[in-house]
N, C-alpha and C. Protein backbone atom coordinates (compact mmCIF):
# COMPACT_ATOMS: atom_id res chain seq x y z
N MET A 1 116.47 63.15 132.69
CA MET A 1 116.96 64.63 132.99
C MET A 1 115.60 65.48 132.29
N ASP A 2 115.43 66.50 132.54
CA ASP A 2 114.57 67.07 132.47
C ASP A 2 114.58 68.56 131.23
N ASN A 3 113.69 68.46 130.45
CA ASN A 3 114.11 69.53 129.49
C ASN A 3 114.19 70.90 129.52
N ARG A 4 113.44 70.99 130.39
CA ARG A 4 113.06 72.47 131.21
C ARG A 4 114.61 73.17 131.42
N ASP A 5 115.57 71.96 132.34
CA ASP A 5 116.56 72.31 132.87
C ASP A 5 117.37 72.88 131.25
N ASP A 6 117.44 71.75 130.41
CA ASP A 6 118.37 72.08 129.40
C ASP A 6 117.98 73.56 128.53
N ALA A 7 116.32 73.96 128.72
CA ALA A 7 116.20 75.13 128.02
C ALA A 7 116.52 76.49 128.72
N SER A 8 116.34 76.52 130.08
CA SER A 8 116.66 77.43 130.94
C SER A 8 117.59 78.05 130.97
N PRO A 9 119.01 77.29 131.00
CA PRO A 9 120.13 78.22 130.26
C PRO A 9 120.01 78.84 129.44
N ALA A 10 119.73 78.56 128.38
CA ALA A 10 119.31 79.17 126.85
C ALA A 10 118.89 80.15 127.13
N SER A 11 117.72 80.21 127.55
CA SER A 11 116.74 81.31 127.39
C SER A 11 117.15 82.66 128.64
N ASP A 12 117.57 82.23 129.34
CA ASP A 12 118.19 83.31 130.75
C ASP A 12 119.46 83.93 130.01
N HIS A 13 120.09 83.12 128.98
CA HIS A 13 120.76 83.64 128.26
C HIS A 13 120.46 84.66 126.97
N ARG A 14 119.96 84.23 126.58
CA ARG A 14 118.98 84.88 125.86
C ARG A 14 118.28 86.24 126.35
N MET A 15 117.67 86.25 127.07
CA MET A 15 117.48 86.84 128.10
C MET A 15 118.12 88.63 128.28
N ARG A 16 119.22 87.49 128.45
CA ARG A 16 120.66 88.44 129.13
C ARG A 16 121.23 89.24 128.11
N ALA A 17 120.97 88.55 126.86
CA ALA A 17 121.78 89.31 126.01
C ALA A 17 120.95 90.34 125.34
N GLU A 18 119.54 89.75 125.20
CA GLU A 18 118.52 91.45 125.26
C GLU A 18 118.79 92.44 125.87
N SER A 19 118.64 92.37 126.86
CA SER A 19 118.71 92.91 128.27
C SER A 19 120.11 94.28 127.71
N LEU A 20 121.21 93.43 127.65
CA LEU A 20 122.24 93.82 127.07
C LEU A 20 122.47 94.67 125.92
N ALA A 21 121.91 94.13 124.88
CA ALA A 21 121.47 94.79 123.63
C ALA A 21 120.47 95.96 124.01
N ALA A 22 119.69 96.13 124.70
CA ALA A 22 118.75 96.98 125.32
C ALA A 22 119.82 98.34 125.85
N GLU A 23 120.59 97.98 126.95
CA GLU A 23 121.31 98.48 127.29
C GLU A 23 122.20 99.33 126.65
N LEU A 24 123.11 98.36 125.77
CA LEU A 24 124.01 99.35 124.62
C LEU A 24 123.24 99.98 123.92
N ARG A 25 121.96 100.03 123.53
CA ARG A 25 121.05 101.12 122.43
C ARG A 25 121.08 102.13 123.20
N ARG A 26 120.46 102.01 124.55
CA ARG A 26 120.06 103.24 125.43
C ARG A 26 121.13 104.00 125.86
N ILE A 27 122.40 103.59 125.71
CA ILE A 27 123.98 103.95 125.99
C ILE A 27 124.36 104.66 124.30
N VAL A 28 124.23 104.27 123.69
CA VAL A 28 125.14 104.35 122.34
C VAL A 28 124.04 105.41 121.61
N HIS A 29 122.68 105.04 121.47
CA HIS A 29 122.01 106.19 120.68
C HIS A 29 122.12 107.42 120.51
N PRO A 30 122.22 108.11 122.02
CA PRO A 30 122.38 109.32 122.25
C PRO A 30 123.79 110.00 122.21
N ALA A 31 124.59 109.23 122.28
CA ALA A 31 126.19 109.38 121.91
C ALA A 31 126.21 109.28 120.51
N ILE A 32 125.58 108.52 119.57
CA ILE A 32 125.58 108.65 117.95
C ILE A 32 124.82 110.25 117.62
N GLU A 33 123.73 110.64 118.26
CA GLU A 33 123.52 111.91 118.46
C GLU A 33 123.98 113.08 118.74
N HIS A 34 124.80 112.77 119.76
CA HIS A 34 125.76 113.75 120.26
C HIS A 34 126.91 113.85 119.25
N TRP A 35 127.47 112.74 118.64
CA TRP A 35 128.35 113.03 117.62
C TRP A 35 128.13 113.69 116.74
N THR A 36 127.14 113.47 116.14
CA THR A 36 126.08 113.89 114.78
C THR A 36 126.22 115.51 115.03
N ALA A 37 125.49 115.56 116.05
CA ALA A 37 125.74 117.29 116.61
C ALA A 37 127.12 117.78 116.52
N LEU A 38 128.12 117.11 117.17
CA LEU A 38 129.40 117.80 117.46
C LEU A 38 130.17 118.18 115.78
N ARG A 39 129.75 116.60 114.87
CA ARG A 39 129.94 117.17 113.52
C ARG A 39 129.66 117.95 113.14
N ALA A 40 128.09 118.72 112.70
CA ALA A 40 127.48 119.57 112.53
C ALA A 40 127.70 120.84 113.35
N ALA A 41 128.62 120.97 114.10
CA ALA A 41 128.95 122.40 114.85
C ALA A 41 130.36 122.21 114.04
N ARG A 42 130.84 121.37 114.05
CA ARG A 42 132.26 121.33 113.07
C ARG A 42 132.26 122.17 111.95
N LEU A 43 131.38 121.48 111.14
CA LEU A 43 131.08 122.11 110.16
C LEU A 43 130.84 123.68 110.12
N ALA A 44 129.92 124.20 111.36
CA ALA A 44 129.78 125.49 111.13
C ALA A 44 130.76 126.44 111.29
N LEU A 45 131.52 125.78 112.53
CA LEU A 45 132.53 126.73 112.81
C LEU A 45 133.74 126.83 112.16
N ALA A 46 133.71 125.67 110.88
CA ALA A 46 134.70 125.08 109.79
C ALA A 46 134.45 126.81 108.93
N VAL A 47 132.93 126.81 108.46
CA VAL A 47 132.92 127.94 107.57
C VAL A 47 132.82 129.28 108.08
N LEU A 48 132.33 129.32 109.07
CA LEU A 48 131.98 130.69 109.79
C LEU A 48 133.32 131.41 110.87
N ASP A 49 134.30 130.59 111.02
CA ASP A 49 135.64 130.87 111.94
C ASP A 49 136.90 130.68 111.06
N GLY A 50 136.79 130.92 109.85
CA GLY A 50 137.93 130.92 108.64
C GLY A 50 138.21 129.91 108.25
N GLY A 51 137.17 128.67 108.36
CA GLY A 51 138.12 127.25 108.00
C GLY A 51 138.36 127.22 106.05
N ILE A 52 137.75 128.62 105.97
CA ILE A 52 138.05 128.60 104.54
C ILE A 52 138.97 129.80 104.03
N GLY A 53 140.04 129.74 104.21
CA GLY A 53 140.78 131.15 104.19
C GLY A 53 141.14 131.45 102.95
N GLY A 54 140.54 131.43 101.76
CA GLY A 54 140.68 132.24 100.59
C GLY A 54 141.82 132.20 100.03
N PRO A 55 142.08 132.57 98.68
CA PRO A 55 143.10 132.50 97.85
C PRO A 55 144.31 133.29 98.43
N ALA A 56 145.42 132.05 98.03
CA ALA A 56 146.74 133.03 98.86
C ALA A 56 147.92 133.13 97.65
N ILE A 57 147.37 132.62 96.40
CA ILE A 57 147.95 132.64 95.29
C ILE A 57 147.46 133.41 93.70
N PRO A 58 148.06 134.23 93.25
CA PRO A 58 147.21 134.70 92.15
C PRO A 58 146.40 134.17 91.19
N PHE A 59 145.71 134.48 90.06
CA PHE A 59 144.51 134.00 89.80
C PHE A 59 145.37 132.79 88.77
N GLU A 60 146.15 133.41 87.86
CA GLU A 60 146.74 132.91 87.15
C GLU A 60 148.23 131.65 87.52
N HIS A 61 148.23 131.52 88.82
CA HIS A 61 149.12 130.34 88.84
C HIS A 61 148.33 129.32 88.63
N PRO A 62 149.22 128.11 88.11
CA PRO A 62 149.30 127.01 87.95
C PRO A 62 148.33 125.89 89.23
N ASP A 63 148.55 126.40 90.33
CA ASP A 63 148.31 125.47 91.16
C ASP A 63 147.36 125.98 92.19
N ARG A 64 146.54 126.94 91.53
CA ARG A 64 145.19 127.74 92.35
C ARG A 64 144.39 127.10 92.31
N LEU A 65 144.09 126.02 91.60
CA LEU A 65 142.73 125.17 91.61
C LEU A 65 142.88 124.09 92.77
N ILE A 66 144.39 123.34 92.94
CA ILE A 66 144.80 122.71 93.86
C ILE A 66 144.85 123.16 95.31
N SER A 67 145.36 124.60 95.03
CA SER A 67 145.28 125.25 96.71
C SER A 67 143.20 125.91 97.33
N CYS A 68 142.63 125.58 95.97
CA CYS A 68 141.17 125.92 96.53
C CYS A 68 140.68 124.37 96.99
N GLU A 69 140.99 123.61 96.40
CA GLU A 69 140.86 122.20 97.03
C GLU A 69 141.21 122.12 98.05
N ALA A 70 142.29 122.08 98.45
CA ALA A 70 142.89 121.92 99.81
C ALA A 70 142.18 123.30 101.10
N ASP A 71 141.79 124.31 100.70
CA ASP A 71 140.86 124.71 101.23
C ASP A 71 139.46 124.87 101.80
N LEU A 72 138.92 123.88 100.87
CA LEU A 72 137.42 123.54 100.70
C LEU A 72 137.57 122.21 101.00
N ALA A 73 138.55 121.49 101.39
CA ALA A 73 138.81 119.81 101.49
C ALA A 73 138.17 119.78 103.56
N SER A 74 138.55 120.39 104.52
CA SER A 74 137.79 120.28 105.83
C SER A 74 136.28 120.76 105.58
N VAL A 75 136.08 121.22 105.01
CA VAL A 75 134.43 121.62 105.49
C VAL A 75 133.88 120.76 104.61
N PHE A 76 134.10 120.30 103.17
CA PHE A 76 133.50 119.33 102.39
C PHE A 76 133.56 117.67 103.36
N ASP A 77 134.73 117.62 104.18
CA ASP A 77 134.61 116.32 104.91
C ASP A 77 133.77 116.37 105.96
N ALA A 78 133.90 117.59 106.24
CA ALA A 78 132.75 117.29 107.70
C ALA A 78 131.32 117.60 106.73
N LEU A 79 131.57 118.06 106.13
CA LEU A 79 129.60 118.17 105.51
C LEU A 79 129.65 116.33 104.97
N ALA A 80 130.09 115.68 104.50
CA ALA A 80 130.09 114.29 104.18
C ALA A 80 130.09 113.41 105.52
N SER A 81 130.76 113.97 106.66
CA SER A 81 130.72 112.79 107.98
C SER A 81 129.28 113.73 108.67
N VAL A 82 128.88 114.59 108.36
CA VAL A 82 127.69 114.81 109.04
C VAL A 82 126.22 114.27 108.58
N ALA A 83 126.51 114.25 107.17
CA ALA A 83 125.47 113.49 106.31
C ALA A 83 125.01 111.66 106.46
N GLU A 84 126.48 111.63 106.58
CA GLU A 84 126.74 110.23 107.01
C GLU A 84 126.51 109.76 108.42
N ALA A 85 126.66 110.55 109.10
CA ALA A 85 125.96 110.14 110.97
C ALA A 85 124.51 110.51 111.00
N ALA A 86 124.23 111.37 109.78
CA ALA A 86 122.55 111.53 109.86
C ALA A 86 121.77 110.25 109.34
N GLY A 87 122.51 109.08 108.68
CA GLY A 87 122.12 108.33 108.54
C GLY A 87 122.33 107.83 106.88
N TRP A 88 122.36 109.20 105.96
CA TRP A 88 122.43 108.77 104.65
C TRP A 88 124.06 107.73 104.44
N ARG A 89 124.14 106.97 103.28
CA ARG A 89 125.10 106.08 102.89
C ARG A 89 126.31 106.51 102.43
N PRO A 90 127.83 106.22 102.67
CA PRO A 90 128.55 106.89 101.73
C PRO A 90 128.42 106.96 100.30
N ALA A 91 127.95 106.14 99.70
CA ALA A 91 128.18 106.37 98.12
C ALA A 91 126.77 107.23 98.07
N GLU A 92 125.60 107.31 98.37
CA GLU A 92 124.96 108.51 98.61
C GLU A 92 125.55 109.68 98.70
N VAL A 93 125.96 109.89 99.67
CA VAL A 93 126.54 111.22 99.97
C VAL A 93 127.04 111.90 98.97
N ALA A 94 128.67 110.89 98.40
CA ALA A 94 129.07 111.14 97.38
C ALA A 94 128.50 111.66 96.04
N VAL A 95 127.55 110.77 95.95
CA VAL A 95 126.54 111.04 94.79
C VAL A 95 126.07 112.44 94.95
N ALA A 96 125.64 112.57 95.77
CA ALA A 96 124.67 113.76 95.86
C ALA A 96 125.59 114.94 96.02
N LEU A 97 126.77 114.89 96.76
CA LEU A 97 127.31 116.11 96.65
C LEU A 97 128.39 116.43 95.60
N SER A 98 128.35 115.31 94.71
CA SER A 98 128.82 115.73 93.07
C SER A 98 127.60 116.17 92.10
N SER A 99 126.41 115.55 92.38
CA SER A 99 125.39 116.36 91.74
C SER A 99 124.99 117.80 92.02
N LEU A 100 125.32 117.85 92.95
CA LEU A 100 125.59 119.59 93.73
C LEU A 100 126.40 120.56 92.90
N ALA A 101 127.75 119.52 93.06
CA ALA A 101 128.88 120.42 92.41
C ALA A 101 128.14 120.99 91.01
N ASP A 102 127.69 119.68 90.16
CA ASP A 102 127.72 120.32 89.18
C ASP A 102 126.39 120.92 88.64
N ASN A 103 125.13 120.83 89.50
CA ASN A 103 124.06 122.01 89.57
C ASN A 103 125.00 123.03 89.55
N HIS A 104 125.86 123.53 90.67
CA HIS A 104 126.29 124.85 90.86
C HIS A 104 127.08 125.05 89.89
N THR A 105 127.93 124.25 89.24
CA THR A 105 128.55 125.00 87.99
C THR A 105 127.69 125.17 86.93
N LEU A 106 126.40 124.64 86.79
CA LEU A 106 126.07 124.70 85.83
C LEU A 106 124.88 126.05 86.15
N ALA A 107 124.68 126.05 86.85
CA ALA A 107 123.69 127.34 87.50
C ALA A 107 124.77 128.71 87.24
N ARG A 108 125.99 128.53 87.67
CA ARG A 108 126.84 129.90 87.63
C ARG A 108 127.38 129.64 85.77
N LEU A 109 127.09 128.66 85.23
CA LEU A 109 127.61 129.12 83.79
C LEU A 109 126.14 130.00 83.23
N ALA A 110 125.09 129.09 83.89
CA ALA A 110 123.92 130.10 83.09
C ALA A 110 123.86 131.32 83.25
N GLY A 111 123.99 131.64 84.85
CA GLY A 111 124.25 132.90 84.94
C GLY A 111 125.43 134.18 84.23
N GLU A 112 126.26 133.16 84.02
CA GLU A 112 127.45 134.03 82.95
C GLU A 112 126.96 134.39 82.10
N ASP A 113 126.21 133.36 81.38
CA ASP A 113 125.74 133.38 79.65
C ASP A 113 124.62 134.44 79.89
N ASP A 114 123.54 134.59 80.72
CA ASP A 114 122.71 135.35 80.76
C ASP A 114 123.68 136.69 81.34
N ALA A 115 124.34 137.04 81.79
CA ALA A 115 124.80 138.26 82.24
C ALA A 115 125.58 139.23 80.92
N LYS A 116 126.15 137.98 80.07
CA LYS A 116 127.13 138.40 78.65
C LYS A 116 125.49 138.68 78.06
N ARG A 117 124.70 138.12 77.71
CA ARG A 117 123.61 138.21 76.83
C ARG A 117 122.97 139.41 77.24
N ILE A 118 123.06 139.94 78.44
CA ILE A 118 122.06 141.01 78.71
C ILE A 118 122.85 142.66 78.39
N ALA A 119 124.77 142.20 78.59
CA ALA A 119 125.14 143.24 78.59
C ALA A 119 125.37 143.49 77.01
N GLN A 120 125.36 142.36 76.19
CA GLN A 120 125.33 142.46 74.88
C GLN A 120 123.64 143.32 74.28
N ALA A 121 122.68 142.97 74.56
CA ALA A 121 121.40 143.88 74.41
C ALA A 121 121.65 144.90 74.72
N ILE A 122 122.07 145.13 76.27
CA ILE A 122 122.28 146.91 76.37
C ILE A 122 123.07 147.43 75.75
N ARG A 123 124.34 146.84 74.95
CA ARG A 123 125.41 147.55 73.96
C ARG A 123 124.82 147.64 72.97
N GLN A 124 123.63 146.72 71.83
CA GLN A 124 123.02 146.93 70.87
C GLN A 124 122.22 148.07 70.88
N ALA A 125 121.52 147.68 72.13
CA ALA A 125 120.39 149.36 72.28
C ALA A 125 120.72 150.49 72.37
N GLY A 126 121.86 150.49 73.04
CA GLY A 126 122.72 151.72 73.04
C GLY A 126 123.09 152.48 71.67
N ALA A 127 123.75 151.31 71.22
CA ALA A 127 124.01 151.88 69.58
C ALA A 127 123.14 152.07 68.85
N LYS A 128 122.07 151.78 69.04
CA LYS A 128 120.90 151.84 68.43
C LYS A 128 120.16 153.45 68.81
N ARG A 129 120.70 153.94 69.95
CA ARG A 129 119.98 155.34 70.22
C ARG A 129 120.60 156.32 69.49
N PRO A 130 119.29 157.19 68.94
CA PRO A 130 119.90 158.28 68.62
C PRO A 130 120.71 159.05 69.40
N THR A 131 121.61 160.14 69.01
CA THR A 131 122.51 160.51 69.50
C THR A 131 122.28 162.49 69.34
């Protein structure tokens, strides 16, 4: 029995597997890019076409925060999906979105504090003005 005969079917099989893998990459890669583009378009449409409906209950209502979360959920999920489809790991996306939310909150609070300090300075300056 010749060793070349034993190696030939295995090498043919390997070559066929590599060929199929290359064909699969050729077909799947554009599909993944297309899917990513569709997710990004869905995100843009969700924001631009009223994906966020706005508050439907008064400020004092105890479920207002829950209503806001529900309103933002589809846009948030679409954003996370687009980031993951672009190659970010789900844990990275979750941490990044959480960090962005924290930074957004801190910036808003700092802005409110600055506005209060400015208003107080204006009031104090007005009180010191001669009449």
